[in-house]
PDB file of N, CA and C in Angstrom:
ATOM      1  N   MET A   1     -14.804  -7.451  -0.935  1.00  0.00           N
ATOM      2  CA  MET A   1     -13.645  -7.432  -1.546  1.00  0.00           C
ATOM      3  C   MET A   1     -13.145  -8.762  -2.040  1.00  0.00           C
ATOM      4  N   THR A   2     -12.538  -8.598  -3.288  1.00  0.00           N
ATOM      5  CA  THR A   2     -11.905  -9.688  -3.988  1.00  0.00           C
ATOM      6  C   THR A   2     -10.587  -9.658  -4.113  1.00  0.00           C
ATOM      7  N   LEU A   3      -9.755 -10.786  -4.113  1.00  0.00           N
ATOM      8  CA  LEU A   3      -8.572 -10.801  -4.123  1.00  0.00           C
ATOM      9  C   LEU A   3      -8.038 -11.043  -5.553  1.00  0.00           C
ATOM     10  N   GLN A   4      -7.227  -9.926  -6.121  1.00  0.00           N
ATOM     11  CA  GLN A   4      -6.919  -9.828  -7.376  1.00  0.00           C
ATOM     12  C   GLN A   4      -5.344  -9.426  -7.433  1.00  0.00           C
ATOM     13  N   LYS A   5      -4.733  -9.449  -8.760  1.00  0.00           N
ATOM     14  CA  LYS A   5      -3.505  -8.990  -9.028  1.00  0.00           C
ATOM     15  C   LYS A   5      -3.652  -7.589  -9.635  1.00  0.00           C
ATOM     16  N   ILE A   6      -2.804  -6.598  -9.119  1.00  0.00           N
ATOM     17  CA  ILE A   6      -2.973  -5.307  -9.567  1.00  0.00           C
ATOM     18  C   ILE A   6      -1.534  -4.708  -9.933  1.00  0.00           C
ATOM     19  N   THR A   7      -1.583  -3.603 -10.595  1.00  0.00           N
ATOM     20  CA  THR A   7      -0.341  -2.818 -10.709  1.00  0.00           C
ATOM     21  C   THR A   7      -0.477  -1.453 -10.041  1.00  0.00           C
ATOM     22  N   LEU A   8       0.814  -1.345  -9.317  1.00  0.00           N
ATOM     23  CA  LEU A   8       0.969  -0.022  -8.399  1.00  0.00           C
ATOM     24  C   LEU A   8       1.919   0.853  -9.343  1.00  0.00           C
ATOM     25  N   HIS A   9       1.623   2.070  -9.349  1.00  0.00           N
ATOM     26  CA  HIS A   9       2.356   3.041 -10.057  1.00  0.00           C
ATOM     27  C   HIS A   9       2.996   4.240  -8.950  1.00  0.00           C
ATOM     28  N   PHE A  10       4.177   4.384  -9.020  1.00  0.00           N
ATOM     29  CA  PHE A  10       4.955   5.421  -8.200  1.00  0.00           C
ATOM     30  C   PHE A  10       5.576   6.334  -9.033  1.00  0.00           C
ATOM     31  N   GLU A  11       5.584   7.511  -8.526  1.00  0.00           N
ATOM     32  CA  GLU A  11       6.433   8.633  -9.175  1.00  0.00           C
ATOM     33  C   GLU A  11       7.226   9.415  -8.151  1.00  0.00           C
ATOM     34  N   ARG A  12       8.418   9.677  -8.322  1.00  0.00           N
ATOM     35  CA  ARG A  12       8.994  10.747  -7.413  1.00  0.00           C
ATOM     36  C   ARG A  12      10.328  11.306  -8.183  1.00  0.00           C
ATOM     37  N   GLY A  13      10.511  12.589  -7.944  1.00  0.00           N
ATOM     38  CA  GLY A  13      11.619  13.341  -8.489  1.00  0.00           C
ATOM     39  C   GLY A  13      11.974  13.006 -10.027  1.00  0.00           C
ATOM     40  N   GLY A  14      10.998  12.966 -10.864  1.00  0.00           N
ATOM     41  CA  GLY A  14      11.110  12.771 -12.183  1.00  0.00           C
ATOM     42  C   GLY A  14      11.064  11.238 -12.625  1.00  0.00           C
ATOM     43  N   PHE A  15      11.294  10.387 -11.628  1.00  0.00           N
ATOM     44  CA  PHE A  15      11.294   8.858 -11.849  1.00  0.00           C
ATOM     45  C   PHE A  15      10.135   8.278 -11.810  1.00  0.00           C
ATOM     46  N   SER A  16       9.605   7.211 -12.298  1.00  0.00           N
ATOM     47  CA  SER A  16       8.421   6.527 -12.141  1.00  0.00           C
ATOM     48  C   SER A  16       8.720   4.976 -12.064  1.00  0.00           C
ATOM     49  N   ALA A  17       7.978   4.105 -11.509  1.00  0.00           N
ATOM     50  CA  ALA A  17       8.077   2.777 -11.425  1.00  0.00           C
ATOM     51  C   ALA A  17       6.755   2.044 -11.126  1.00  0.00           C
ATOM     52  N   ASP A  18       6.611   1.133 -11.875  1.00  0.00           N
ATOM     53  CA  ASP A  18       5.350   0.180 -12.041  1.00  0.00           C
ATOM     54  C   ASP A  18       5.729  -1.051 -11.454  1.00  0.00           C
ATOM     55  N   VAL A  19       4.853  -1.495 -10.405  1.00  0.00           N
ATOM     56  CA  VAL A  19       5.107  -2.923  -9.919  1.00  0.00           C
ATOM     57  C   VAL A  19       3.830  -3.654 -10.191  1.00  0.00           C
ATOM     58  N   HIS A  20       4.037  -4.677 -11.069  1.00  0.00           N
ATOM     59  CA  HIS A  20       2.937  -5.548 -11.673  1.00  0.00           C
ATOM     60  C   HIS A  20       2.726  -6.816 -10.827  1.00  0.00           C
ATOM     61  N   GLY A  21       1.532  -7.264 -10.778  1.00  0.00           N
ATOM     62  CA  GLY A  21       1.205  -8.606 -10.109  1.00  0.00           C
ATOM     63  C   GLY A  21       1.146  -8.620  -8.552  1.00  0.00           C
ATOM     64  N   VAL A  22       0.829  -7.454  -8.052  1.00  0.00           N
ATOM     65  CA  VAL A  22       0.649  -7.265  -6.545  1.00  0.00           C
ATOM     66  C   VAL A  22      -0.664  -7.763  -6.219  1.00  0.00           C
ATOM     67  N   ALA A  23      -0.721  -8.715  -5.162  1.00  0.00           N
ATOM     68  CA  ALA A  23      -2.036  -9.228  -4.732  1.00  0.00           C
ATOM     69  C   ALA A  23      -2.598  -8.128  -3.858  1.00  0.00           C
ATOM     70  N   ALA A  24      -3.835  -7.941  -4.026  1.00  0.00           N
ATOM     71  CA  ALA A  24      -4.558  -6.818  -3.448  1.00  0.00           C
ATOM     72  C   ALA A  24      -5.979  -7.192  -3.172  1.00  0.00           C
ATOM     73  N   TYR A  25      -6.639  -6.796  -2.328  1.00  0.00           N
ATOM     74  CA  TYR A  25      -8.169  -6.810  -2.268  1.00  0.00           C
ATOM     75  C   TYR A  25      -8.631  -5.655  -2.978  1.00  0.00           C
ATOM     76  N   VAL A  26      -9.564  -5.901  -3.724  1.00  0.00           N
ATOM     77  CA  VAL A  26     -10.378  -4.789  -4.505  1.00  0.00           C
ATOM     78  C   VAL A  26     -11.931  -5.028  -4.421  1.00  0.00           C
ATOM     79  N   CYS A  27     -12.357  -3.557  -3.955  1.00  0.00           N
ATOM     80  CA  CYS A  27     -13.801  -3.493  -3.910  1.00  0.00           C
ATOM     81  C   CYS A  27     -14.370  -3.554  -5.411  1.00  0.00           C
ATOM     82  N   PRO A  28     -15.413  -4.525  -5.399  1.00  0.00           N
ATOM     83  CA  PRO A  28     -15.921  -4.555  -6.720  1.00  0.00           C
ATOM     84  C   PRO A  28     -16.924  -3.360  -6.996  1.00  0.00           C
ATOM     85  N   ARG A  29     -17.480  -2.567  -6.014  1.00  0.00           N
ATOM     86  CA  ARG A  29     -18.414  -1.564  -6.178  1.00  0.00           C
ATOM     87  C   ARG A  29     -17.644  -0.292  -6.456  1.00  0.00           C
ATOM     88  N   CYS A  30     -16.455   0.027  -5.558  1.00  0.00           N
ATOM     89  CA  CYS A  30     -15.971   1.402  -5.852  1.00  0.00           C
ATOM     90  C   CYS A  30     -14.621   1.312  -6.297  1.00  0.00           C
ATOM     91  N   GLY A  31     -13.829   0.061  -6.312  1.00  0.00           N
ATOM     92  CA  GLY A  31     -12.675  -0.061  -6.964  1.00  0.00           C
ATOM     93  C   GLY A  31     -11.495   0.199  -5.855  1.00  0.00           C
ATOM     94  N   ALA A  32     -11.802   0.467  -4.765  1.00  0.00           N
ATOM     95  CA  ALA A  32     -10.798   0.683  -3.750  1.00  0.00           C
ATOM     96  C   ALA A  32      -9.978  -0.425  -3.589  1.00  0.00           C
ATOM     97  N   ARG A  33      -8.673  -0.300  -3.424  1.00  0.00           N
ATOM     98  CA  ARG A  33      -7.649  -1.414  -3.384  1.00  0.00           C
ATOM     99  C   ARG A  33      -7.036  -1.271  -1.956  1.00  0.00           C
ATOM    100  N   LEU A  34      -6.944  -2.474  -1.427  1.00  0.00           N
ATOM    101  CA  LEU A  34      -6.201  -2.722  -0.173  1.00  0.00           C
ATOM    102  C   LEU A  34      -4.972  -3.822  -0.306  1.00  0.00           C
ATOM    103  N   VAL A  35      -3.816  -3.250  -0.233  1.00  0.00           N
ATOM    104  CA  VAL A  35      -2.724  -4.154  -0.186  1.00  0.00           C
ATOM    105  C   VAL A  35      -2.325  -4.742   1.115  1.00  0.00           C
ATOM    106  N   PRO A  36      -2.214  -5.982   1.483  1.00  0.00           N
ATOM    107  CA  PRO A  36      -1.997  -6.351   2.797  1.00  0.00           C
ATOM    108  C   PRO A  36      -0.553  -5.794   3.211  1.00  0.00           C
ATOM    109  N   GLY A  37      -0.554  -5.804   4.553  1.00  0.00           N
ATOM    110  CA  GLY A  37       0.587  -4.982   5.427  1.00  0.00           C
ATOM    111  C   GLY A  37       2.029  -5.478   4.891  1.00  0.00           C
ATOM    112  N   LEU A  38       2.458  -6.899   4.781  1.00  0.00           N
ATOM    113  CA  LEU A  38       3.576  -7.307   4.663  1.00  0.00           C
ATOM    114  C   LEU A  38       3.947  -7.012   3.054  1.00  0.00           C
ATOM    115  N   ILE A  39       3.005  -7.297   2.233  1.00  0.00           N
ATOM    116  CA  ILE A  39       3.318  -7.168   0.791  1.00  0.00           C
ATOM    117  C   ILE A  39       3.389  -5.703   0.575  1.00  0.00           C
ATOM    118  N   ALA A  40       2.729  -4.661   1.209  1.00  0.00           N
ATOM    119  CA  ALA A  40       2.833  -3.300   1.021  1.00  0.00           C
ATOM    120  C   ALA A  40       4.204  -2.787   1.676  1.00  0.00           C
ATOM    121  N   GLU A  41       4.635  -3.472   2.707  1.00  0.00           N
ATOM    122  CA  GLU A  41       6.166  -3.092   3.056  1.00  0.00           C
ATOM    123  C   GLU A  41       7.199  -3.524   2.196  1.00  0.00           C
ATOM    124  N   ARG A  42       7.046  -4.560   1.695  1.00  0.00           N
ATOM    125  CA  ARG A  42       8.110  -5.124   0.720  1.00  0.00           C
ATOM    126  C   ARG A  42       8.088  -4.441  -0.588  1.00  0.00           C
ATOM    127  N   VAL A  43       7.045  -3.959  -1.062  1.00  0.00           N
ATOM    128  CA  VAL A  43       6.812  -3.157  -2.276  1.00  0.00           C
ATOM    129  C   VAL A  43       7.354  -1.755  -1.932  1.00  0.00           C
ATOM    130  N   SER A  44       7.207  -1.222  -0.872  1.00  0.00           N
ATOM    131  CA  SER A  44       7.599   0.038  -0.530  1.00  0.00           C
ATOM    132  C   SER A  44       9.065   0.284  -0.376  1.00  0.00           C
ATOM    133  N   GLU A  45       9.417  -0.808   0.337  1.00  0.00           N
ATOM    134  CA  GLU A  45      11.105  -0.907   0.491  1.00  0.00           C
ATOM    135  C   GLU A  45      11.735  -1.068  -0.592  1.00  0.00           C
ATOM    136  N   THR A  46      11.258  -1.854  -1.651  1.00  0.00           N
ATOM    137  CA  THR A  46      12.006  -2.071  -2.891  1.00  0.00           C
ATOM    138  C   THR A  46      11.729  -0.768  -3.950  1.00  0.00           C
ATOM    139  N   VAL A  47      10.774  -0.059  -3.904  1.00  0.00           N
ATOM    140  CA  VAL A  47      10.669   1.018  -4.680  1.00  0.00           C
ATOM    141  C   VAL A  47      11.492   2.218  -4.158  1.00  0.00           C
ATOM    142  N   GLU A  48      11.391   2.309  -2.794  1.00  0.00           N
ATOM    143  CA  GLU A  48      12.084   3.448  -2.174  1.00  0.00           C
ATOM    144  C   GLU A  48      13.615   3.082  -2.510  1.00  0.00           C
ATOM    145  N   ALA A  49      14.155   2.101  -2.410  1.00  0.00           N
ATOM    146  CA  ALA A  49      15.704   1.871  -2.949  1.00  0.00           C
ATOM    147  C   ALA A  49      15.757   2.075  -4.386  1.00  0.00           C
ATOM    148  N   LEU A  50      14.996   1.901  -5.249  1.00  0.00           N
ATOM    149  CA  LEU A  50      15.215   2.074  -6.476  1.00  0.00           C
ATOM    150  C   LEU A  50      15.108   3.625  -6.825  1.00  0.00           C
ATOM    151  N   PHE A  51      14.216   4.351  -6.096  1.00  0.00           N
ATOM    152  CA  PHE A  51      14.232   5.668  -6.389  1.00  0.00           C
ATOM    153  C   PHE A  51      15.474   6.452  -5.839  1.00  0.00           C
ATOM    154  N   LYS A  52      15.911   5.922  -4.532  1.00  0.00           N
ATOM    155  CA  LYS A  52      17.274   6.458  -3.934  1.00  0.00           C
ATOM    156  C   LYS A  52      18.328   6.276  -4.956  1.00  0.00           C
ATOM    157  N   THR A  53      18.418   5.043  -5.402  1.00  0.00           N
ATOM    158  CA  THR A  53      19.424   4.654  -6.306  1.00  0.00           C
ATOM    159  C   THR A  53      19.455   5.807  -7.661  1.00  0.00           C
ATOM    160  N   ALA A  54      18.249   5.815  -8.122  1.00  0.00           N
ATOM    161  CA  ALA A  54      18.004   6.564  -9.488  1.00  0.00           C
ATOM    162  C   ALA A  54      18.482   7.978  -9.215  1.00  0.00           C
ATOM    163  N   SER A  55      18.285   8.442  -7.993  1.00  0.00           N
ATOM    164  CA  SER A  55      18.578   9.960  -7.861  1.00  0.00           C
ATOM    165  C   SER A  55      19.963  10.137  -7.405  1.00  0.00           C
ATOM    166  N   GLN A  56      20.721   9.286  -7.313  1.00  0.00           N
ATOM    167  CA  GLN A  56      22.208   9.309  -6.956  1.00  0.00           C
ATOM    168  C   GLN A  56      22.929   9.793  -8.485  1.00  0.00           C
ATOM    169  N   PRO A  57      23.940  10.704  -8.233  1.00  0.00           N
ATOM    170  CA  PRO A  57      24.768  10.940  -9.363  1.00  0.00           C
ATOM    171  C   PRO A  57      25.291   9.822  -9.877  1.00  0.00           C
ATOM    172  N   THR A  58      25.322   9.880 -11.156  1.00  0.00           N
ATOM    173  CA  THR A  58      25.969   8.699 -11.962  1.00  0.00           C
ATOM    174  C   THR A  58      27.412   8.828 -12.202  1.00  0.00           C
ATOM    175  N   SER A  59      28.229   7.889 -12.501  1.00  0.00           N
ATOM    176  CA  SER A  59      29.570   7.687 -12.624  1.00  0.00           C
ATOM    177  C   SER A  59      29.775   6.756 -13.907  1.00  0.00           C
ATOM    178  N   SER A  60      31.090   6.873 -14.403  1.00  0.00           N
ATOM    179  CA  SER A  60      31.263   5.667 -15.535  1.00  0.00           C
ATOM    180  C   SER A  60      31.217   4.237 -14.943  1.00  0.00           C
ATOM    181  N   GLU A  61      31.469   4.180 -13.680  1.00  0.00           N
ATOM    182  CA  GLU A  61      31.582   2.863 -12.975  1.00  0.00           C
ATOM    183  C   GLU A  61      30.028   2.428 -12.322  1.00  0.00           C
ATOM    184  N   PHE A  62      29.062   3.286 -12.487  1.00  0.00           N
ATOM    185  CA  PHE A  62      27.958   3.059 -11.828  1.00  0.00           C
ATOM    186  C   PHE A  62      27.208   1.983 -12.440  1.00  0.00           C
ATOM    187  N   VAL A  63      26.591   1.006 -11.759  1.00  0.00           N
ATOM    188  CA  VAL A  63      25.796  -0.056 -12.352  1.00  0.00           C
ATOM    189  C   VAL A  63      24.446  -0.021 -11.653  1.00  0.00           C
ATOM    190  N   MET A  64      23.300   0.192 -12.586  1.00  0.00           N
ATOM    191  CA  MET A  64      22.103   0.095 -12.042  1.00  0.00           C
ATOM    192  C   MET A  64      21.738  -1.139 -11.233  1.00  0.00           C
ATOM    193  N   PRO A  65      21.112  -1.026 -10.079  1.00  0.00           N
ATOM    194  CA  PRO A  65      20.816  -2.218  -9.227  1.00  0.00           C
ATOM    195  C   PRO A  65      19.561  -2.984  -9.866  1.00  0.00           C
ATOM    196  N   TYR A  66      19.717  -4.085  -9.484  1.00  0.00           N
ATOM    197  CA  TYR A  66      18.493  -5.151 -10.042  1.00  0.00           C
ATOM    198  C   TYR A  66      17.753  -5.520  -8.646  1.00  0.00           C
ATOM    199  N   SER A  67      16.312  -5.440  -8.833  1.00  0.00           N
ATOM    200  CA  SER A  67      15.569  -5.631  -7.574  1.00  0.00           C
ATOM    201  C   SER A  67      14.418  -6.510  -8.036  1.00  0.00           C
ATOM    202  N   SER A  68      14.073  -7.567  -7.313  1.00  0.00           N
ATOM    203  CA  SER A  68      12.874  -8.421  -7.824  1.00  0.00           C
ATOM    204  C   SER A  68      12.251  -8.857  -6.585  1.00  0.00           C
ATOM    205  N   LEU A  69      10.942  -8.852  -6.638  1.00  0.00           N
ATOM    206  CA  LEU A  69       9.947  -9.375  -5.548  1.00  0.00           C
ATOM    207  C   LEU A  69       9.096 -10.424  -6.548  1.00  0.00           C
ATOM    208  N   VAL A  70       8.985 -11.525  -5.728  1.00  0.00           N
ATOM    209  CA  VAL A  70       8.165 -12.680  -6.365  1.00  0.00           C
ATOM    210  C   VAL A  70       6.896 -13.052  -5.574  1.00  0.00           C
ATOM    211  N   PHE A  71       5.704 -12.778  -6.297  1.00  0.00           N
ATOM    212  CA  PHE A  71       4.520 -12.956  -5.601  1.00  0.00           C
ATOM    213  C   PHE A  71       4.092 -14.309  -6.147  1.00  0.00           C
ATOM    214  N   GLN A  72       3.554 -15.022  -5.158  1.00  0.00           N
ATOM    215  CA  GLN A  72       2.924 -16.420  -5.321  1.00  0.00           C
ATOM    216  C   GLN A  72       1.714 -16.291  -5.982  1.00  0.00           C
ATOM    217  N   PRO A  73       1.313 -17.372  -6.815  1.00  0.00           N
ATOM    218  CA  PRO A  73      -0.018 -17.420  -7.443  1.00  0.00           C
ATOM    219  C   PRO A  73      -1.152 -17.306  -6.406  1.00  0.00           C
ATOM    220  N   LEU A  74      -2.117 -16.436  -6.751  1.00  0.00           N
ATOM    221  CA  LEU A  74      -3.337 -16.394  -5.955  1.00  0.00           C
ATOM    222  C   LEU A  74      -4.031 -17.777  -5.628  1.00  0.00           C
ATOM    223  N   ALA A  75      -4.686 -18.110  -4.574  1.00  0.00           N
ATOM    224  CA  ALA A  75      -5.391 -19.193  -4.374  1.00  0.00           C
ATOM    225  C   ALA A  75      -6.643 -19.202  -4.913  1.00  0.00           C
ATOM    226  N   ALA A  76      -7.072 -20.307  -5.566  1.00  0.00           N
ATOM    227  CA  ALA A  76      -8.376 -20.292  -6.244  1.00  0.00           C
ATOM    228  C   ALA A  76      -9.595 -20.214  -5.257  1.00  0.00           C
TER     229      ALA A  76
END
């Protein structure tokens, strides 16, 4: 498996989210992807929070949240 940056796509309840630049191990033969545990947890928590907020009723005072994850460059 080689360490690469990938994009993860999530869909739920009519909403979708793409997370770009996620460090993952990718199998060169079959394309299987493995996201290390801590990274997977952070991405999952962030996406869940976005979906939860997106599914809440809106009001005139509602402000969409901003969420950011920063991934360090891959080691050579």
